[in-house]
C-alpha atoms as a PDB file:
ATOM      1  CA  MET A   1     186.836  54.134  65.954  1.00  0.00           C
ATOM      2  CA  THR A   2     184.266  53.655  68.703  1.00  0.00           C
ATOM      3  CA  LYS A   3     181.491  56.236  68.855  1.00  0.00           C
ATOM      4  CA  ILE A   4     180.177  56.886  72.364  1.00  0.00           C
ATOM      5  CA  ILE A   5     176.717  58.412  72.748  1.00  0.00           C
ATOM      6  CA  VAL A   6     175.033  59.379  76.029  1.00  0.00           C
ATOM      7  CA  ALA A   7     171.340  60.111  76.560  1.00  0.00           C
ATOM      8  CA  ILE A   8     171.048  62.644  79.333  1.00  0.00           C
ATOM      9  CA  ASN A   9     168.846  65.251  81.053  1.00  0.00           C
ATOM     10  CA  GLN A  10     168.661  66.549  84.592  1.00  0.00           C
ATOM     11  CA  LYS A  11     164.858  65.956  84.517  1.00  0.00           C
ATOM     12  CA  GLY A  12     163.408  62.483  84.733  1.00  0.00           C
ATOM     13  CA  GLY A  13     160.584  61.102  82.583  1.00  0.00           C
ATOM     14  CA  VAL A  14     161.706  62.683  79.321  1.00  0.00           C
ATOM     15  CA  GLY A  15     162.325  59.465  77.450  1.00  0.00           C
ATOM     16  CA  LYS A  16     166.081  58.873  77.901  1.00  0.00           C
ATOM     17  CA  SER A  17     165.825  55.076  78.205  1.00  0.00           C
ATOM     18  CA  THR A  18     163.449  54.801  75.242  1.00  0.00           C
ATOM     19  CA  LEU A  19     165.735  56.982  73.157  1.00  0.00           C
ATOM     20  CA  ALA A  20     168.849  55.091  74.159  1.00  0.00           C
ATOM     21  CA  PHE A  21     167.105  51.788  73.335  1.00  0.00           C
ATOM     22  CA  HIS A  22     166.263  52.999  69.831  1.00  0.00           C
ATOM     23  CA  LEU A  23     169.753  54.399  69.255  1.00  0.00           C
ATOM     24  CA  ALA A  24     171.327  51.069  70.236  1.00  0.00           C
ATOM     25  CA  HIS A  25     169.107  49.189  67.767  1.00  0.00           C
ATOM     26  CA  ALA A  26     169.793  51.686  64.990  1.00  0.00           C
ATOM     27  CA  ALA A  27     173.532  51.301  65.643  1.00  0.00           C
ATOM     28  CA  ALA A  28     173.382  47.503  65.517  1.00  0.00           C
ATOM     29  CA  ALA A  29     171.593  47.756  62.137  1.00  0.00           C
ATOM     30  CA  GLN A  30     174.295  49.860  60.479  1.00  0.00           C
ATOM     31  CA  GLY A  31     175.912  46.876  58.874  1.00  0.00           C
ATOM     32  CA  ASP A  32     176.796  43.203  59.305  1.00  0.00           C
ATOM     33  CA  GLY A  33     178.910  42.537  62.333  1.00  0.00           C
ATOM     34  CA  LYS A  34     178.429  45.901  64.011  1.00  0.00           C
ATOM     35  CA  ARG A  35     178.932  45.568  67.749  1.00  0.00           C
ATOM     36  CA  VAL A  36     177.109  47.739  70.245  1.00  0.00           C
ATOM     37  CA  LEU A  37     177.713  47.967  74.000  1.00  0.00           C
ATOM     38  CA  CYS A  38     175.105  49.555  76.251  1.00  0.00           C
ATOM     39  CA  LEU A  39     175.896  51.000  79.658  1.00  0.00           C
ATOM     40  CA  ASP A  40     172.987  51.547  82.049  1.00  0.00           C
ATOM     41  CA  LEU A  41     174.126  53.964  84.757  1.00  0.00           C
ATOM     42  CA  ASP A  42     170.600  54.519  86.126  1.00  0.00           C
ATOM     43  CA  SER A  43     169.749  52.628  89.294  1.00  0.00           C
ATOM     44  CA  GLN A  44     166.170  52.213  88.075  1.00  0.00           C
ATOM     45  CA  GLY A  45     167.521  49.997  85.326  1.00  0.00           C
ATOM     46  CA  ASN A  46     164.752  50.559  82.775  1.00  0.00           C
ATOM     47  CA  PHE A  47     167.213  50.535  79.877  1.00  0.00           C
ATOM     48  CA  SER A  48     168.492  47.144  81.038  1.00  0.00           C
ATOM     49  CA  GLN A  49     164.957  45.777  81.441  1.00  0.00           C
ATOM     50  CA  TYR A  50     164.000  46.829  77.914  1.00  0.00           C
ATOM     51  CA  LEU A  51     167.164  45.364  76.437  1.00  0.00           C
ATOM     52  CA  THR A  52     166.950  42.020  78.202  1.00  0.00           C
ATOM     53  CA  GLY A  53     163.207  41.548  78.711  1.00  0.00           C
ATOM     54  CA  ASP A  54     164.086  40.658  82.300  1.00  0.00           C
ATOM     55  CA  LEU A  55     162.479  42.832  84.987  1.00  0.00           C
ATOM     56  CA  ASP A  56     164.668  41.228  87.654  1.00  0.00           C
ATOM     57  CA  VAL A  57     167.949  42.158  86.038  1.00  0.00           C
ATOM     58  CA  ILE A  58     168.192  45.180  88.341  1.00  0.00           C
ATOM     59  CA  ASN A  59     168.385  42.833  91.359  1.00  0.00           C
ATOM     60  CA  ASP A  60     171.809  41.556  90.232  1.00  0.00           C
ATOM     61  CA  THR A  61     173.801  44.046  92.293  1.00  0.00           C
ATOM     62  CA  VAL A  62     177.145  42.280  91.914  1.00  0.00           C
ATOM     63  CA  GLY A  63     177.786  42.362  88.164  1.00  0.00           C
ATOM     64  CA  GLY A  64     176.848  44.717  85.409  1.00  0.00           C
ATOM     65  CA  VAL A  65     178.072  48.303  84.974  1.00  0.00           C
ATOM     66  CA  GLY A  66     179.394  48.372  88.523  1.00  0.00           C
ATOM     67  CA  VAL A  67     182.223  46.030  87.476  1.00  0.00           C
ATOM     68  CA  PHE A  68     183.347  48.617  84.896  1.00  0.00           C
ATOM     69  CA  LEU A  69     183.102  51.469  87.423  1.00  0.00           C
ATOM     70  CA  GLU A  70     185.311  49.467  89.793  1.00  0.00           C
ATOM     71  CA  GLY A  71     187.961  49.046  87.121  1.00  0.00           C
ATOM     72  CA  ARG A  72     187.614  45.261  86.901  1.00  0.00           C
ATOM     73  CA  GLU A  73     187.422  43.141  83.793  1.00  0.00           C
ATOM     74  CA  ILE A  74     183.927  43.279  82.380  1.00  0.00           C
ATOM     75  CA  THR A  75     181.659  40.444  81.189  1.00  0.00           C
ATOM     76  CA  PRO A  76     178.857  42.003  79.161  1.00  0.00           C
ATOM     77  CA  SER A  77     175.455  40.274  79.034  1.00  0.00           C
ATOM     78  CA  LYS A  78     173.594  39.339  75.885  1.00  0.00           C
ATOM     79  CA  THR A  79     170.367  41.143  75.043  1.00  0.00           C
ATOM     80  CA  THR A  80     167.351  40.195  72.968  1.00  0.00           C
ATOM     81  CA  ARG A  81     169.009  41.690  69.857  1.00  0.00           C
ATOM     82  CA  GLU A  82     172.092  40.062  68.352  1.00  0.00           C
ATOM     83  CA  GLY A  83     174.987  42.492  68.197  1.00  0.00           C
ATOM     84  CA  ILE A  84     173.916  44.428  71.286  1.00  0.00           C
ATOM     85  CA  GLU A  85     175.574  43.629  74.627  1.00  0.00           C
ATOM     86  CA  LEU A  86     174.899  45.204  78.035  1.00  0.00           C
ATOM     87  CA  LEU A  87     176.463  46.224  81.270  1.00  0.00           C
ATOM     88  CA  HIS A  88     173.272  46.397  83.183  1.00  0.00           C
ATOM     89  CA  GLY A  89     172.176  48.881  85.846  1.00  0.00           C
ATOM     90  CA  HIS A  90     170.930  47.889  89.249  1.00  0.00           C
ATOM     91  CA  SER A  91     169.443  49.274  92.429  1.00  0.00           C
ATOM     92  CA  LYS A  92     172.735  49.667  94.309  1.00  0.00           C
ATOM     93  CA  LEU A  93     174.592  51.892  91.839  1.00  0.00           C
ATOM     94  CA  ASP A  94     174.324  54.906  94.122  1.00  0.00           C
ATOM     95  CA  ARG A  95     177.160  53.342  96.193  1.00  0.00           C
ATOM     96  CA  TYR A  96     179.593  54.554  93.496  1.00  0.00           C
ATOM     97  CA  ASP A  97     178.526  58.202  93.675  1.00  0.00           C
ATOM     98  CA  ASN A  98     180.761  58.980  96.643  1.00  0.00           C
ATOM     99  CA  ASP A  99     183.603  56.572  95.996  1.00  0.00           C
ATOM    100  CA  PRO A 100     186.748  58.711  95.608  1.00  0.00           C
ATOM    101  CA  ASP A 101     188.665  56.011  93.663  1.00  0.00           C
ATOM    102  CA  VAL A 102     185.779  55.584  91.172  1.00  0.00           C
ATOM    103  CA  GLU A 103     185.392  59.346  90.783  1.00  0.00           C
ATOM    104  CA  GLU A 104     189.145  59.828  90.156  1.00  0.00           C
ATOM    105  CA  ARG A 105     189.109  57.307  87.315  1.00  0.00           C
ATOM    106  CA  GLY A 106     185.796  58.483  85.966  1.00  0.00           C
ATOM    107  CA  TYR A 107     186.717  62.139  85.689  1.00  0.00           C
ATOM    108  CA  SER A 108     190.105  61.380  84.136  1.00  0.00           C
ATOM    109  CA  THR A 109     190.718  59.935  80.685  1.00  0.00           C
ATOM    110  CA  VAL A 110     191.084  56.394  82.047  1.00  0.00           C
ATOM    111  CA  MET A 111     187.544  55.112  81.651  1.00  0.00           C
ATOM    112  CA  ARG A 112     187.124  56.869  78.305  1.00  0.00           C
ATOM    113  CA  HIS A 113     190.186  55.070  76.965  1.00  0.00           C
ATOM    114  CA  GLN A 114     189.047  51.741  78.488  1.00  0.00           C
ATOM    115  CA  LEU A 115     185.690  51.965  76.716  1.00  0.00           C
ATOM    116  CA  ARG A 116     187.387  52.641  73.362  1.00  0.00           C
ATOM    117  CA  GLU A 117     189.745  49.700  73.862  1.00  0.00           C
ATOM    118  CA  LEU A 118     186.864  47.210  74.191  1.00  0.00           C
ATOM    119  CA  GLY A 119     186.480  46.999  70.400  1.00  0.00           C
ATOM    120  CA  TYR A 120     182.840  47.962  70.016  1.00  0.00           C
ATOM    121  CA  ASP A 121     181.650  50.090  67.073  1.00  0.00           C
ATOM    122  CA  TYR A 122     179.198  52.006  69.230  1.00  0.00           C
ATOM    123  CA  ILE A 123     178.624  52.489  72.941  1.00  0.00           C
ATOM    124  CA  VAL A 124     175.244  53.870  74.090  1.00  0.00           C
ATOM    125  CA  ILE A 125     174.914  55.112  77.693  1.00  0.00           C
ATOM    126  CA  ASP A 126     171.761  55.813  79.677  1.00  0.00           C
ATOM    127  CA  THR A 127     172.098  58.070  82.693  1.00  0.00           C
ATOM    128  CA  PRO A 128     170.194  58.908  85.873  1.00  0.00           C
ATOM    129  CA  PRO A 129     168.454  62.293  86.024  1.00  0.00           C
ATOM    130  CA  ALA A 130     169.985  63.256  89.407  1.00  0.00           C
ATOM    131  CA  VAL A 131     173.227  65.252  89.146  1.00  0.00           C
ATOM    132  CA  GLY A 132     176.093  63.219  90.519  1.00  0.00           C
ATOM    133  CA  PHE A 133     179.064  61.080  89.403  1.00  0.00           C
ATOM    134  CA  ARG A 134     177.118  58.735  87.133  1.00  0.00           C
ATOM    135  CA  HIS A 135     175.413  61.649  85.451  1.00  0.00           C
ATOM    136  CA  MET A 136     178.492  63.777  84.949  1.00  0.00           C
ATOM    137  CA  ALA A 137     181.180  61.198  84.241  1.00  0.00           C
ATOM    138  CA  ALA A 138     179.329  59.822  81.196  1.00  0.00           C
ATOM    139  CA  LEU A 139     179.746  63.261  79.632  1.00  0.00           C
ATOM    140  CA  CYS A 140     183.522  62.922  80.132  1.00  0.00           C
ATOM    141  CA  TRP A 141     183.537  59.689  78.134  1.00  0.00           C
ATOM    142  CA  ALA A 142     181.135  60.576  75.294  1.00  0.00           C
ATOM    143  CA  ASP A 143     181.576  61.895  71.820  1.00  0.00           C
ATOM    144  CA  LEU A 144     177.911  63.048  71.618  1.00  0.00           C
ATOM    145  CA  ALA A 145     175.368  63.972  74.302  1.00  0.00           C
ATOM    146  CA  VAL A 146     171.773  63.578  73.133  1.00  0.00           C
ATOM    147  CA  ILE A 147     169.467  65.626  75.397  1.00  0.00           C
ATOM    148  CA  PRO A 148     165.737  64.767  75.122  1.00  0.00           C
ATOM    149  CA  MET A 149     163.241  67.173  76.606  1.00  0.00           C
ATOM    150  CA  GLU A 150     159.518  67.477  76.772  1.00  0.00           C
ATOM    151  CA  PRO A 151     158.011  70.815  75.659  1.00  0.00           C
ATOM    152  CA  VAL A 152     157.435  71.916  79.248  1.00  0.00           C
ATOM    153  CA  MET A 153     159.450  74.378  81.305  1.00  0.00           C
ATOM    154  CA  THR A 154     160.745  71.933  83.962  1.00  0.00           C
ATOM    155  CA  SER A 155     162.101  69.650  81.287  1.00  0.00           C
ATOM    156  CA  ILE A 156     163.626  72.536  79.303  1.00  0.00           C
ATOM    157  CA  VAL A 157     165.321  73.735  82.473  1.00  0.00           C
ATOM    158  CA  GLY A 158     166.792  70.243  82.938  1.00  0.00           C
ATOM    159  CA  PHE A 159     168.105  70.442  79.342  1.00  0.00           C
ATOM    160  CA  GLN A 160     169.611  73.893  79.995  1.00  0.00           C
ATOM    161  CA  ASN A 161     171.271  72.654  83.188  1.00  0.00           C
ATOM    162  CA  VAL A 162     173.022  69.953  81.234  1.00  0.00           C
ATOM    163  CA  LEU A 163     174.398  72.643  78.876  1.00  0.00           C
ATOM    164  CA  VAL A 164     175.663  74.610  81.899  1.00  0.00           C
ATOM    165  CA  SER A 165     177.410  71.490  83.222  1.00  0.00           C
ATOM    166  CA  ILE A 166     178.984  70.884  79.840  1.00  0.00           C
ATOM    167  CA  ASP A 167     180.273  74.486  79.576  1.00  0.00           C
ATOM    168  CA  GLU A 168     181.505  74.873  83.138  1.00  0.00           C
ATOM    169  CA  PHE A 169     182.806  71.413  83.971  1.00  0.00           C
ATOM    170  CA  ILE A 170     183.008  68.971  81.053  1.00  0.00           C
ATOM    171  CA  THR A 171     184.550  71.068  78.257  1.00  0.00           C
ATOM    172  CA  PRO A 172     187.924  71.379  80.025  1.00  0.00           C
ATOM    173  CA  ILE A 173     188.006  67.573  80.460  1.00  0.00           C
ATOM    174  CA  ASN A 174     186.411  66.508  77.200  1.00  0.00           C
ATOM    175  CA  PRO A 175     186.682  69.401  74.733  1.00  0.00           C
ATOM    176  CA  GLY A 176     185.576  67.283  71.790  1.00  0.00           C
ATOM    177  CA  LEU A 177     182.106  66.591  73.214  1.00  0.00           C
ATOM    178  CA  LYS A 178     179.235  67.600  70.924  1.00  0.00           C
ATOM    179  CA  TRP A 179     175.599  67.842  71.927  1.00  0.00           C
ATOM    180  CA  CYS A 180     172.134  67.969  70.368  1.00  0.00           C
ATOM    181  CA  GLY A 181     168.631  68.433  71.730  1.00  0.00           C
ATOM    182  CA  VAL A 182     165.465  66.516  70.944  1.00  0.00           C
ATOM    183  CA  VAL A 183     161.941  67.756  71.669  1.00  0.00           C
ATOM    184  CA  ASN A 184     160.155  64.560  72.771  1.00  0.00           C
ATOM    185  CA  LYS A 185     156.546  63.671  73.597  1.00  0.00           C
ATOM    186  CA  ALA A 186     155.290  66.769  71.798  1.00  0.00           C
ATOM    187  CA  ASN A 187     151.679  67.493  70.923  1.00  0.00           C
ATOM    188  CA  LEU A 188     151.873  70.484  68.649  1.00  0.00           C
ATOM    189  CA  ARG A 189     148.125  70.892  68.665  1.00  0.00           C
ATOM    190  CA  VAL A 190     148.574  72.142  72.201  1.00  0.00           C
ATOM    191  CA  LYS A 191     149.454  75.815  72.302  1.00  0.00           C
ATOM    192  CA  SER A 192     151.939  75.566  75.180  1.00  0.00           C
ATOM    193  CA  HIS A 193     153.783  72.729  73.424  1.00  0.00           C
ATOM    194  CA  ARG A 194     154.014  74.750  70.230  1.00  0.00           C
ATOM    195  CA  GLU A 195     155.322  77.768  72.101  1.00  0.00           C
ATOM    196  CA  LYS A 196     157.954  75.751  73.975  1.00  0.00           C
ATOM    197  CA  GLU A 197     159.099  73.945  70.824  1.00  0.00           C
ATOM    198  CA  GLU A 198     159.426  77.307  69.041  1.00  0.00           C
ATOM    199  CA  TYR A 199     161.352  78.737  71.956  1.00  0.00           C
ATOM    200  CA  VAL A 200     164.031  76.015  72.063  1.00  0.00           C
ATOM    201  CA  ARG A 201     164.436  76.135  68.295  1.00  0.00           C
ATOM    202  CA  GLN A 202     164.854  79.907  68.355  1.00  0.00           C
ATOM    203  CA  GLU A 203     167.327  79.695  71.234  1.00  0.00           C
ATOM    204  CA  TYR A 204     169.378  76.714  70.112  1.00  0.00           C
ATOM    205  CA  GLY A 205     168.905  76.563  66.347  1.00  0.00           C
ATOM    206  CA  GLN A 206     170.439  73.603  64.517  1.00  0.00           C
ATOM    207  CA  HIS A 207     171.334  71.944  67.826  1.00  0.00           C
ATOM    208  CA  ILE A 208     167.690  70.866  68.047  1.00  0.00           C
ATOM    209  CA  VAL A 209     167.727  67.982  65.660  1.00  0.00           C
ATOM    210  CA  ALA A 210     164.178  66.619  65.902  1.00  0.00           C
ATOM    211  CA  THR A 211     160.683  67.015  67.344  1.00  0.00           C
ATOM    212  CA  LEU A 212     159.118  63.663  68.181  1.00  0.00           C
ATOM    213  CA  ALA A 213     155.380  63.624  68.709  1.00  0.00           C
ATOM    214  CA  THR A 214     153.557  61.879  71.482  1.00  0.00           C
ATOM    215  CA  ARG A 215     152.473  58.546  69.976  1.00  0.00           C
ATOM    216  CA  THR A 216     151.161  55.533  71.840  1.00  0.00           C
ATOM    217  CA  ALA A 217     152.766  53.214  69.284  1.00  0.00           C
ATOM    218  CA  VAL A 218     156.202  54.023  70.693  1.00  0.00           C
ATOM    219  CA  SER A 219     155.275  53.059  74.271  1.00  0.00           C
ATOM    220  CA  GLU A 220     153.421  50.003  72.943  1.00  0.00           C
ATOM    221  CA  ALA A 221     156.506  48.871  71.061  1.00  0.00           C
ATOM    222  CA  MET A 222     158.597  49.176  74.255  1.00  0.00           C
ATOM    223  CA  GLU A 223     156.042  47.040  76.090  1.00  0.00           C
ATOM    224  CA  GLU A 224     156.246  44.188  73.639  1.00  0.00           C
ATOM    225  CA  GLU A 225     157.847  40.930  74.753  1.00  0.00           C
ATOM    226  CA  PRO A 226     160.654  41.513  73.945  1.00  0.00           C
ATOM    227  CA  ALA A 227     160.705  45.278  73.563  1.00  0.00           C
ATOM    228  CA  GLN A 228     161.414  46.444  70.002  1.00  0.00           C
ATOM    229  CA  PRO A 229     162.114  49.698  68.195  1.00  0.00           C
ATOM    230  CA  VAL A 230     158.977  51.303  66.888  1.00  0.00           C
ATOM    231  CA  TRP A 231     160.065  50.905  63.259  1.00  0.00           C
ATOM    232  CA  LEU A 232     159.892  47.114  63.684  1.00  0.00           C
ATOM    233  CA  LYS A 233     156.474  46.954  65.304  1.00  0.00           C
ATOM    234  CA  LYS A 234     153.704  45.684  63.029  1.00  0.00           C
ATOM    235  CA  GLY A 235     150.831  48.009  62.403  1.00  0.00           C
ATOM    236  CA  VAL A 236     152.694  51.239  63.207  1.00  0.00           C
ATOM    237  CA  PRO A 237     152.012  54.036  60.688  1.00  0.00           C
ATOM    238  CA  ARG A 238     154.741  54.336  58.116  1.00  0.00           C
ATOM    239  CA  ASP A 239     155.361  58.029  58.875  1.00  0.00           C
ATOM    240  CA  LEU A 240     156.011  57.322  62.533  1.00  0.00           C
ATOM    241  CA  ARG A 241     158.378  54.475  61.787  1.00  0.00           C
ATOM    242  CA  GLN A 242     160.296  56.624  59.329  1.00  0.00           C
ATOM    243  CA  VAL A 243     160.593  59.637  61.626  1.00  0.00           C
ATOM    244  CA  TRP A 244     162.139  57.576  64.412  1.00  0.00           C
ATOM    245  CA  LEU A 245     164.400  55.603  62.087  1.00  0.00           C
ATOM    246  CA  ASP A 246     165.638  58.686  60.242  1.00  0.00           C
ATOM    247  CA  PHE A 247     166.280  60.491  63.525  1.00  0.00           C
ATOM    248  CA  CYS A 248     168.206  57.618  65.076  1.00  0.00           C
ATOM    249  CA  ASN A 249     170.244  57.063  61.890  1.00  0.00           C
ATOM    250  CA  GLU A 250     171.116  60.751  61.819  1.00  0.00           C
ATOM    251  CA  ILE A 251     172.438  60.549  65.357  1.00  0.00           C
ATOM    252  CA  ILE A 252     174.379  57.332  64.746  1.00  0.00           C
ATOM    253  CA  LYS A 253     175.924  58.402  61.473  1.00  0.00           C
ATOM    254  CA  GLY A 254     176.424  62.075  62.314  1.00  0.00           C
END
């Protein structure tokens, strides 16, 4: 019973890769022997860099997630955390966006079934912000779309655009897809942030599962060598560790 989770927004810079990284680590910690596969569909490859500690991983344009998109047998890479494996992203992934054979498989049930047959307990997918095959197809494969947004209008619009895509295009293909929103990088002492956070909660109710404050400790944890989830970083306030851990566990177990 593989659970497939995708982090997605049509606006960049909202924390998708950081969120996906934390979700993968929370999934791997659910019990002994849990196996997690990460797919990095973003050509920037930040998710892959965080997971491997290798900035040059994005220069390997032959292997990685492209092998899966081509329908060939995959060879996942190890990461810095036991139990988490990776199909890395790279700088040439845009070549798949207009490949009719890849699109046909991706928008059918083929790739979704292939992912489930790999035998992982969890699959966590990071996506590019630009609308295209790699952005949309991941929604066809997933059980849950987690949509982080900053409390600013451009980011909220990106969140809303994902919902439109789900309603108009994805639901007929993947009717079981669920979604939730996360307000990220919030400073609720700022009036505009408070107003935007209140707005999305009023509009979308229980679908907004968390508000995560702007905290330098999170970015510092990601810049460690190797990167680590904030709840494992020494010196981080207990309340911050607990908020992130509880949120990620809710997503993984929900």
